[in-house]
């Protein structure tokens, strides 16, 4: 019996999942997470963290490893086998996703050392959005910049691919106009039709669009120019926008939605209100890209678990004819909309690991 291992390496953790390799499919065996990398109480490096993973999976015979890679740039529009050249290209994209890409690459390097000779597969979050119409990939900038890579890439693609597969399995017709809200510490929305991306809220980097745990979301570019004129360095501005803004920056308390919802601090309340307001605005924008909306899907840590957020978004979108049923706050996955709602509302649990495992099995 052989197995596939999937890895999602972050700055201080590695999420992993083990799958049994079957004739035409993969079956999940176990999932887990190693936390505290490079902290006083955790593993010293990603290689050490992967050693912990190997001890957990024990005698499993790993014949391929699949990796989540956040940014694929213009060069990767589908999963690929990793070689030295591919890894170098992944690392070169680090400045476009500084919270993720360097750590994704570190996970690949650690796995290549831990499993010598075993095929490694890179699965890119941006690849799903390469199907977007060219119009929705452009900025209003000269063509030369677009051709040089300054364009809307979109992210959370593995999550959206997972939801698209689930919707197909549920019999949602190809012509349905679907907006998926992936809401977590990182948050975005995607307008989909026929299981393909039409438009999305994140663009050149995972910084754009919705406000997030510590990321600012949509921001007037002149703010960055102003901060530069005020003498702040690019590194200081990057830290501000990626690590000190969003829900944390607004509230001055926490990036965790659960903490903010439990707080009576005026700034915490304002942070939640800001999040809901911009969810409502971006939902309208995604519906406009589809010229209407038939189905809204909530997923991600907040989307799957916060009935309060879902209810408040529904209230803000009532003008679209969106209605939740009585008891929709139970938190269970399934249909949440009432029978008289013009828009169906669902909660689905995303499974990025299964998407990575399927791609890895196909390529190896």
Protein backbone atom coordinates (compact mmCIF):
# COMPACT_ATOMS: atom_id res chain seq x y z
CA UNK A 1 0.00 0.00 0.00
CA UNK A 2 1.33 3.45 -0.90
CA UNK A 3 0.42 6.89 0.36
CA UNK A 4 0.39 10.54 -0.69
CA UNK A 5 1.37 13.29 1.72
CA UNK A 6 0.11 16.87 1.33
CA UNK A 7 1.85 19.81 2.97
CA UNK A 8 0.77 23.41 3.52
CA UNK A 9 3.79 25.13 5.03
CA UNK A 10 3.32 28.50 6.73
CA UNK A 11 5.64 30.77 8.64
CA UNK A 12 5.22 28.96 11.95
CA UNK A 13 3.30 25.79 11.10
CA UNK A 14 2.92 22.92 8.67
CA UNK A 15 -0.53 21.50 7.98
CA UNK A 16 -0.37 17.98 6.63
CA UNK A 17 -2.65 15.20 5.44
CA UNK A 18 -1.97 11.59 4.56
CA UNK A 19 -3.97 9.82 1.84
CA UNK A 20 -4.07 6.18 0.87
CA UNK A 21 -3.41 5.77 -2.83
CA UNK A 22 -6.11 3.73 -4.54
CA UNK A 23 -6.62 2.64 -8.14
CA UNK A 24 -8.55 5.68 -9.37
CA UNK A 25 -8.80 7.86 -6.26
CA UNK A 26 -7.26 8.84 -2.94
CA UNK A 27 -8.74 8.21 0.51
CA UNK A 28 -7.91 10.35 3.58
CA UNK A 29 -6.12 8.59 6.44
CA UNK A 30 -5.18 11.38 8.85
CA UNK A 31 -4.65 15.12 9.10
CA UNK A 32 -2.70 17.25 11.51
CA UNK A 33 -0.63 20.35 12.10
CA UNK A 34 2.80 21.04 13.58
CA UNK A 35 2.90 24.50 15.15
CA UNK A 36 5.46 26.80 16.75
CA UNK A 37 8.21 26.53 14.11
CA UNK A 38 11.23 28.68 15.07
CA UNK A 39 9.75 29.50 18.49
CA UNK A 40 11.14 28.68 21.92
CA UNK A 41 8.77 25.74 22.35
CA UNK A 42 8.50 24.43 18.78
CA UNK A 43 10.65 22.87 16.04
CA UNK A 44 13.67 24.89 15.03
CA UNK A 45 12.92 24.76 11.29
CA UNK A 46 10.54 23.42 8.67
CA UNK A 47 12.86 20.42 8.29
CA UNK A 48 12.51 19.67 12.00
CA UNK A 49 8.73 20.13 11.77
CA UNK A 50 8.62 17.67 8.89
CA UNK A 51 10.54 15.23 11.08
CA UNK A 52 7.64 15.45 13.52
CA UNK A 53 5.21 14.74 10.67
CA UNK A 54 7.23 11.69 9.65
CA UNK A 55 7.08 10.34 13.18
CA UNK A 56 3.30 10.76 13.20
CA UNK A 57 2.75 8.98 9.89
CA UNK A 58 5.06 6.18 10.98
CA UNK A 59 5.40 3.31 8.55
CA UNK A 60 3.36 4.90 5.77
CA UNK A 61 5.07 4.41 2.40
CA UNK A 62 4.99 7.92 0.90
CA UNK A 63 5.33 7.74 -2.88
CA UNK A 64 4.51 11.39 -3.66
CA UNK A 65 4.23 14.72 -1.83
CA UNK A 66 1.89 17.54 -2.85
CA UNK A 67 2.40 21.14 -1.76
CA UNK A 68 0.19 24.19 -1.58
CA UNK A 69 2.01 27.11 -3.21
CA UNK A 70 0.27 30.46 -2.91
CA UNK A 71 1.66 32.31 -5.95
CA UNK A 72 2.26 30.84 -9.39
CA UNK A 73 2.78 34.10 -11.26
CA UNK A 74 2.21 33.99 -15.01
CA UNK A 75 4.28 30.85 -15.44
CA UNK A 76 2.11 28.30 -13.64
CA UNK A 77 -1.52 27.84 -14.59
CA UNK A 78 -1.71 24.20 -13.47
CA UNK A 79 0.00 21.88 -10.94
CA UNK A 80 3.51 20.76 -11.89
CA UNK A 81 6.19 18.34 -10.80
CA UNK A 82 8.91 20.16 -8.88
CA UNK A 83 12.48 20.25 -10.10
CA UNK A 84 15.27 22.71 -9.33
CA UNK A 85 14.06 25.15 -11.98
CA UNK A 86 10.46 25.12 -10.72
CA UNK A 87 11.60 25.63 -7.14
CA UNK A 88 13.75 28.59 -8.19
CA UNK A 89 10.73 30.18 -9.92
CA UNK A 90 8.58 29.63 -6.81
CA UNK A 91 11.17 31.32 -4.63
CA UNK A 92 11.52 34.24 -7.07
CA UNK A 93 7.80 35.00 -6.55
CA UNK A 94 8.35 35.49 -2.80
CA UNK A 95 8.00 39.32 -2.85
CA UNK A 96 4.47 39.00 -4.26
CA UNK A 97 3.26 36.88 -1.33
CA UNK A 98 5.71 37.50 1.54
CA UNK A 99 3.51 35.97 4.23
CA UNK A 100 3.30 32.65 2.40
CA UNK A 101 5.63 32.01 -0.52
CA UNK A 102 9.00 31.79 1.29
CA UNK A 103 7.52 29.31 3.77
CA UNK A 104 5.83 27.28 1.01
CA UNK A 105 9.24 27.01 -0.64
CA UNK A 106 10.87 26.03 2.66
CA UNK A 107 8.34 23.20 2.96
CA UNK A 108 9.24 21.93 -0.51
CA UNK A 109 12.95 22.01 0.29
CA UNK A 110 12.39 20.15 3.56
CA UNK A 111 10.27 17.50 1.84
CA UNK A 112 12.81 16.96 -0.93
CA UNK A 113 15.42 16.26 1.72
CA UNK A 114 13.15 14.09 3.87
CA UNK A 115 11.87 12.03 0.93
CA UNK A 116 14.78 11.78 -1.52
CA UNK A 117 13.74 10.62 -4.96
CA UNK A 118 10.02 10.93 -4.19
CA UNK A 119 8.10 13.12 -6.68
CA UNK A 120 7.01 16.50 -5.35
CA UNK A 121 4.03 18.32 -6.88
CA UNK A 122 3.38 22.07 -6.58
CA UNK A 123 -0.30 23.13 -6.60
CA UNK A 124 -0.81 26.88 -7.03
CA UNK A 125 -3.55 28.99 -5.47
CA UNK A 126 -3.40 31.39 -8.41
CA UNK A 127 -3.86 28.73 -11.10
CA UNK A 128 -7.65 28.50 -10.70
CA UNK A 129 -8.04 32.14 -11.70
CA UNK A 130 -6.06 31.94 -14.93
CA UNK A 131 -9.41 31.10 -16.56
CA UNK A 132 -10.74 34.59 -15.77
CA UNK A 133 -11.60 36.76 -18.78
CA UNK A 134 -8.65 38.93 -19.78
CA UNK A 135 -10.68 42.02 -18.92
CA UNK A 136 -10.86 40.87 -15.30
CA UNK A 137 -7.13 40.21 -15.15
CA UNK A 138 -6.17 43.73 -16.21
CA UNK A 139 -5.39 46.84 -14.23
CA UNK A 140 -5.93 50.23 -15.90
CA UNK A 141 -2.20 50.42 -16.58
CA UNK A 142 -0.18 50.32 -19.82
CA UNK A 143 -0.12 46.96 -21.60
CA UNK A 144 3.64 46.63 -21.10
CA UNK A 145 3.14 46.38 -17.34
CA UNK A 146 0.42 43.75 -17.77
CA UNK A 147 2.70 41.70 -20.00
CA UNK A 148 5.46 42.11 -17.39
CA UNK A 149 3.21 40.46 -14.80
CA UNK A 150 1.45 43.40 -13.14
CA UNK A 151 -2.03 41.91 -13.28
CA UNK A 152 -4.85 40.46 -11.19
CA UNK A 153 -3.87 36.93 -10.20
CA UNK A 154 -6.41 35.98 -7.52
CA UNK A 155 -5.78 33.56 -4.65
CA UNK A 156 -7.47 30.86 -2.52
CA UNK A 157 -7.78 28.92 -5.77
CA UNK A 158 -7.41 25.48 -4.18
CA UNK A 159 -10.29 26.30 -1.85
CA UNK A 160 -12.44 27.51 -4.74
CA UNK A 161 -11.58 24.41 -6.75
CA UNK A 162 -12.72 22.29 -3.79
CA UNK A 163 -16.04 24.13 -3.61
CA UNK A 164 -16.54 23.93 -7.39
CA UNK A 165 -16.09 20.14 -7.25
CA UNK A 166 -18.55 19.85 -4.37
CA UNK A 167 -21.15 21.96 -6.18
CA UNK A 168 -20.83 19.79 -9.27
CA UNK A 169 -21.40 16.74 -7.07
CA UNK A 170 -24.50 18.38 -5.62
CA UNK A 171 -25.92 18.86 -9.08
CA UNK A 172 -25.63 22.65 -9.23
CA UNK A 173 -26.09 23.45 -12.95
CA UNK A 174 -23.19 24.88 -14.95
CA UNK A 175 -25.14 28.00 -15.79
CA UNK A 176 -25.65 28.89 -12.12
CA UNK A 177 -24.09 32.21 -11.09
CA UNK A 178 -22.15 31.39 -7.93
CA UNK A 179 -20.29 33.62 -5.48
CA UNK A 180 -18.06 31.85 -2.97
CA UNK A 181 -16.92 33.72 0.15
CA UNK A 182 -13.75 32.20 1.57
CA UNK A 183 -13.61 33.92 4.95
CA UNK A 184 -10.78 33.27 7.37
CA UNK A 185 -7.66 35.06 8.56
CA UNK A 186 -7.18 35.55 4.83
CA UNK A 187 -10.44 36.42 3.07
CA UNK A 188 -11.60 36.72 -0.51
CA UNK A 189 -14.59 36.17 -2.77
CA UNK A 190 -14.80 34.52 -6.16
CA UNK A 191 -17.49 34.79 -8.83
CA UNK A 192 -17.80 31.43 -10.60
CA UNK A 193 -19.77 29.97 -13.47
CA UNK A 194 -19.48 26.42 -14.68
CA UNK A 195 -16.87 25.75 -12.00
CA UNK A 196 -14.54 28.40 -13.43
CA UNK A 197 -13.38 31.72 -12.03
CA UNK A 198 -14.95 34.81 -13.60
CA UNK A 199 -13.72 37.45 -11.13
CA UNK A 200 -12.22 37.59 -7.66
CA UNK A 201 -11.48 40.19 -4.98
CA UNK A 202 -7.77 39.53 -4.42
CA UNK A 203 -5.60 40.73 -7.26
CA UNK A 204 -1.84 41.27 -7.70
CA UNK A 205 -1.14 40.00 -4.19
CA UNK A 206 -3.08 38.44 -1.28
CA UNK A 207 -3.29 41.97 0.17
CA UNK A 208 -6.16 43.27 -1.95
CA UNK A 209 -9.94 43.05 -1.64
CA UNK A 210 -11.63 42.25 1.65
CA UNK A 211 -10.19 43.34 5.01
CA UNK A 212 -8.54 40.34 6.70
CA UNK A 213 -7.07 39.33 10.02
CA UNK A 214 -3.94 41.47 9.72
CA UNK A 215 -4.09 42.60 6.05
CA UNK A 216 -5.71 45.86 5.03
CA UNK A 217 -7.56 44.75 1.93
CA UNK A 218 -8.55 47.35 -0.67
CA UNK A 219 -6.49 50.53 -0.27
CA UNK A 220 -5.95 53.69 -2.29
CA UNK A 221 -2.47 53.34 -3.81
CA UNK A 222 -1.80 56.97 -2.93
CA UNK A 223 -1.72 55.96 0.74
CA UNK A 224 1.45 53.99 0.02
CA UNK A 225 2.95 56.96 -1.86
CA UNK A 226 2.06 59.21 1.08
CA UNK A 227 3.72 56.87 3.58
CA UNK A 228 6.85 56.76 1.42
CA UNK A 229 6.89 60.56 1.28
CA UNK A 230 6.61 60.57 5.09
CA UNK A 231 9.90 58.67 5.26
CA UNK A 232 8.67 55.15 5.92
CA UNK A 233 10.68 52.41 4.22
CA UNK A 234 9.09 49.84 1.91
CA UNK A 235 9.79 47.19 4.56
CA UNK A 236 7.97 49.23 7.21
CA UNK A 237 5.00 49.77 4.92
CA UNK A 238 4.89 46.08 4.02
CA UNK A 239 4.85 45.16 7.71
CA UNK A 240 2.05 47.67 8.34
CA UNK A 241 -0.14 46.47 5.48
CA UNK A 242 0.45 42.73 5.84
CA UNK A 243 0.85 42.26 9.60
CA UNK A 244 -0.56 45.26 11.50
CA UNK A 245 -3.74 46.19 9.65
CA UNK A 246 -7.10 44.53 8.98
CA UNK A 247 -9.15 43.44 11.97
CA UNK A 248 -6.11 43.74 14.22
CA UNK A 249 -5.34 47.29 13.11
CA UNK A 250 -8.97 48.43 13.30
CA UNK A 251 -9.67 46.91 16.70
CA UNK A 252 -6.28 47.32 18.39
CA UNK A 253 -7.24 44.08 20.10
CA UNK A 254 -7.11 40.96 17.94
CA UNK A 255 -7.17 39.52 14.43
CA UNK A 256 -9.49 36.73 15.59
CA UNK A 257 -13.16 37.24 14.70
CA UNK A 258 -14.26 35.17 17.71
CA UNK A 259 -12.43 37.50 20.10
CA UNK A 260 -13.89 40.58 18.42
CA UNK A 261 -17.46 39.26 18.48
CA UNK A 262 -17.10 38.53 22.20
CA UNK A 263 -15.75 42.01 22.99
CA UNK A 264 -17.78 45.11 23.88
CA UNK A 265 -14.91 47.42 22.93
CA UNK A 266 -16.07 50.19 20.60
CA UNK A 267 -13.10 49.55 18.31
CA UNK A 268 -13.80 45.80 18.22
CA UNK A 269 -17.43 46.51 17.28
CA UNK A 270 -16.26 48.91 14.59
CA UNK A 271 -13.83 46.32 13.19
CA UNK A 272 -16.63 43.77 12.81
CA UNK A 273 -18.92 46.40 11.26
CA UNK A 274 -16.18 47.31 8.77
CA UNK A 275 -15.70 43.64 7.84
CA UNK A 276 -19.44 43.14 7.23
CA UNK A 277 -19.76 46.40 5.27
CA UNK A 278 -17.00 45.41 2.88
CA UNK A 279 -18.29 41.86 2.56
CA UNK A 280 -21.61 43.35 1.42
CA UNK A 281 -19.89 45.68 -1.07
CA UNK A 282 -17.68 42.99 -2.56
CA UNK A 283 -20.61 40.56 -2.77
CA UNK A 284 -22.44 43.12 -4.89
CA UNK A 285 -19.34 43.52 -7.06
CA UNK A 286 -19.01 39.77 -7.64
CA UNK A 287 -22.72 39.54 -8.48
CA UNK A 288 -22.24 42.37 -10.97
CA UNK A 289 -19.40 40.47 -12.65
CA UNK A 290 -21.82 37.56 -13.14
CA UNK A 291 -24.71 39.86 -14.09
CA UNK A 292 -26.69 38.33 -11.25
CA UNK A 293 -26.39 35.72 -8.52
CA UNK A 294 -28.12 32.38 -7.94
CA UNK A 295 -26.02 30.89 -5.14
CA UNK A 296 -23.84 32.26 -2.31
CA UNK A 297 -21.48 29.82 -0.60
CA UNK A 298 -19.73 30.50 2.70
CA UNK A 299 -16.52 28.62 3.45
CA UNK A 300 -13.25 29.08 5.39
CA UNK A 301 -12.86 29.29 9.16
CA UNK A 302 -15.19 32.28 9.63
CA UNK A 303 -17.54 31.40 6.79
CA UNK A 304 -18.06 27.84 8.03
CA UNK A 305 -18.31 28.59 11.73
CA UNK A 306 -19.63 32.10 12.37
CA UNK A 307 -23.40 32.21 12.16
CA UNK A 308 -23.28 35.85 13.28
CA UNK A 309 -21.20 36.89 10.27
CA UNK A 310 -23.40 34.91 7.88
CA UNK A 311 -26.58 36.43 9.33
CA UNK A 312 -25.23 39.96 9.14
CA UNK A 313 -24.10 39.51 5.54
CA UNK A 314 -27.55 38.17 4.68
CA UNK A 315 -29.17 41.19 6.31
CA UNK A 316 -26.89 43.56 4.40
CA UNK A 317 -27.72 41.73 1.15
CA UNK A 318 -31.47 41.56 1.72
CA UNK A 319 -31.90 44.06 -1.14
CA UNK A 320 -30.70 41.24 -3.45
CA UNK A 321 -33.61 39.09 -2.30
CA UNK A 322 -31.41 37.00 -0.02
CA UNK A 323 -33.19 35.41 2.97
CA UNK A 324 -32.00 32.90 5.54
CA UNK A 325 -34.31 30.27 6.98
CA UNK A 326 -35.25 29.95 10.64
CA UNK A 327 -32.55 27.94 12.40
CA UNK A 328 -29.91 28.83 9.81
CA UNK A 329 -27.54 29.74 12.65
CA UNK A 330 -26.92 26.12 13.65
CA UNK A 331 -23.49 26.14 12.00
CA UNK A 332 -24.10 22.90 10.11
CA UNK A 333 -23.11 22.71 6.46
CA UNK A 334 -25.94 22.69 3.97
CA UNK A 335 -28.61 25.04 2.62
CA UNK A 336 -29.25 28.04 4.88
CA UNK A 337 -31.60 30.08 2.70
CA UNK A 338 -35.37 30.14 3.09
CA UNK A 339 -37.67 28.76 0.41
CA UNK A 340 -38.65 32.30 -0.64
CA UNK A 341 -35.07 33.53 -1.00
CA UNK A 342 -34.12 34.75 -4.49
CA UNK A 343 -30.56 33.54 -3.81
CA UNK A 344 -29.73 30.12 -2.40
CA UNK A 345 -27.22 30.23 0.47
CA UNK A 346 -25.04 27.29 1.45
CA UNK A 347 -22.22 26.52 3.84
CA UNK A 348 -19.63 24.07 2.53
CA UNK A 349 -16.44 22.91 4.20
CA UNK A 350 -13.48 23.46 1.93
CA UNK A 351 -10.94 20.65 1.53
CA UNK A 352 -7.79 22.00 -0.07
CA UNK A 353 -5.81 18.91 0.97
CA UNK A 354 -8.06 16.64 -1.08
CA UNK A 355 -7.60 18.88 -4.12
CA UNK A 356 -3.81 18.75 -3.72
CA UNK A 357 -3.91 14.97 -3.25
CA UNK A 358 -5.95 14.45 -6.42
CA UNK A 359 -3.58 16.59 -8.49
CA UNK A 360 -0.57 14.83 -6.99
CA UNK A 361 -2.01 11.39 -7.76
CA UNK A 362 -2.75 12.42 -11.36
CA UNK A 363 0.76 13.75 -11.98
CA UNK A 364 2.62 10.87 -10.35
